[in-house]
Amino acid sequence: MRQALDEVWLTGSTTIRWDEFYLWTGVQRIAKKPWRDVHAIWEELCIEQGYEAALPLTVLNKEFAVVLRREPFDEERVSALEELI
């Protein structure tokens, strides 16, 4: 899970298949505990990077996977594809 959250930090998002999510969190049913674990790891990572608390993290539930996303950092350039063509 830490590696997936490292990817969120570096790239802005990651996709985790549900079977991996269940395996990594060690649960058979998704309730609050696995999300608390994700939050704790994310908060630890944010604090290591110099923030006082966890930055907002969006969870997108798909049929086959969960997508975790953070907001773009100030130094990251965000463009619509149409702006680049």
Protein backbone atom coordinates (compact mmCIF):
# COMPACT_ATOMS: atom_id res chain seq x y z
CA MET A 1 0.00 0.00 0.00
CA ARG A 2 2.86 2.37 0.77
CA GLN A 3 4.20 1.91 -2.76
CA ALA A 4 0.79 2.79 -4.23
CA LEU A 5 0.60 5.93 -2.10
CA ASP A 6 4.16 6.84 -3.10
CA GLU A 7 2.88 6.72 -6.68
CA VAL A 8 0.02 9.05 -5.76
CA TRP A 9 2.56 11.45 -4.28
CA LEU A 10 4.80 11.34 -7.35
CA THR A 11 2.24 11.23 -10.17
CA GLY A 12 -1.04 12.42 -8.68
CA SER A 13 -2.97 9.16 -8.84
CA THR A 14 -2.84 5.40 -8.76
CA THR A 15 -5.21 2.56 -9.56
CA ILE A 16 -5.40 -0.48 -7.29
CA ARG A 17 -7.38 -3.54 -8.38
CA TRP A 18 -9.83 -4.68 -5.72
CA ASP A 19 -8.14 -8.07 -5.33
CA GLU A 20 -4.86 -6.26 -4.56
CA PHE A 21 -6.62 -3.88 -2.16
CA TYR A 22 -8.11 -6.81 -0.22
CA LEU A 23 -4.76 -8.59 -0.15
CA TRP A 24 -2.78 -5.53 0.93
CA THR A 25 -5.23 -4.55 3.66
CA GLY A 26 -5.77 -8.11 4.89
CA VAL A 27 -9.55 -7.84 5.05
CA GLN A 28 -12.39 -9.87 3.59
CA ARG A 29 -14.89 -7.02 3.61
CA ILE A 30 -14.31 -3.34 2.96
CA ALA A 31 -15.44 -1.29 5.95
CA LYS A 32 -13.80 1.64 7.75
CA LYS A 33 -10.60 -0.10 8.90
CA PRO A 34 -8.87 -0.40 5.52
CA TRP A 35 -9.66 3.24 4.75
CA ARG A 36 -8.26 4.27 8.13
CA ASP A 37 -5.11 2.33 7.29
CA VAL A 38 -4.83 4.09 3.91
CA HIS A 39 -5.33 7.45 5.62
CA ALA A 40 -2.65 6.68 8.23
CA ILE A 41 -0.10 5.73 5.57
CA TRP A 42 -1.00 8.79 3.46
CA GLU A 43 -0.74 11.08 6.49
CA GLU A 44 2.66 9.61 7.39
CA LEU A 45 3.86 10.22 3.83
CA CYS A 46 2.59 13.81 3.81
CA ILE A 47 4.26 14.55 7.16
CA GLU A 48 7.53 13.05 5.88
CA GLN A 49 7.28 15.51 2.97
CA GLY A 50 6.95 18.48 5.33
CA TYR A 51 3.18 18.91 5.67
CA GLU A 52 1.50 19.13 9.07
CA ALA A 53 -1.28 16.69 8.19
CA ALA A 54 -2.60 14.53 5.38
CA LEU A 55 -3.39 16.36 2.16
CA PRO A 56 -6.84 15.72 0.66
CA LEU A 57 -7.10 12.40 -1.15
CA THR A 58 -10.00 11.51 -3.44
CA VAL A 59 -11.22 7.92 -3.68
CA LEU A 60 -12.92 6.87 -6.91
CA ASN A 61 -14.64 3.49 -6.57
CA LYS A 62 -14.84 1.56 -9.82
CA GLU A 63 -16.29 -1.90 -10.39
CA PHE A 64 -12.83 -3.42 -10.86
CA ALA A 65 -10.57 -1.10 -8.88
CA VAL A 66 -10.17 1.88 -6.62
CA VAL A 67 -8.46 5.04 -7.89
CA LEU A 68 -6.71 7.31 -5.40
CA ARG A 69 -6.05 10.92 -6.46
CA ARG A 70 -4.50 13.99 -4.92
CA GLU A 71 -4.84 17.60 -5.98
CA PRO A 72 -2.05 18.95 -8.23
CA PHE A 73 0.85 20.61 -6.43
CA ASP A 74 1.50 24.28 -7.17
CA GLU A 75 4.63 23.48 -9.17
CA GLU A 76 2.82 20.97 -11.41
CA ARG A 77 1.55 22.24 -14.73
CA VAL A 78 -1.96 21.08 -15.56
CA SER A 79 -3.24 21.41 -19.13
CA ALA A 80 -6.29 20.21 -21.00
CA LEU A 81 -5.38 18.00 -23.95
CA GLU A 82 -7.07 20.48 -26.27
CA GLU A 83 -4.59 23.14 -25.12
CA LEU A 84 -1.67 20.99 -26.24
CA ILE A 85 -2.79 20.24 -29.80
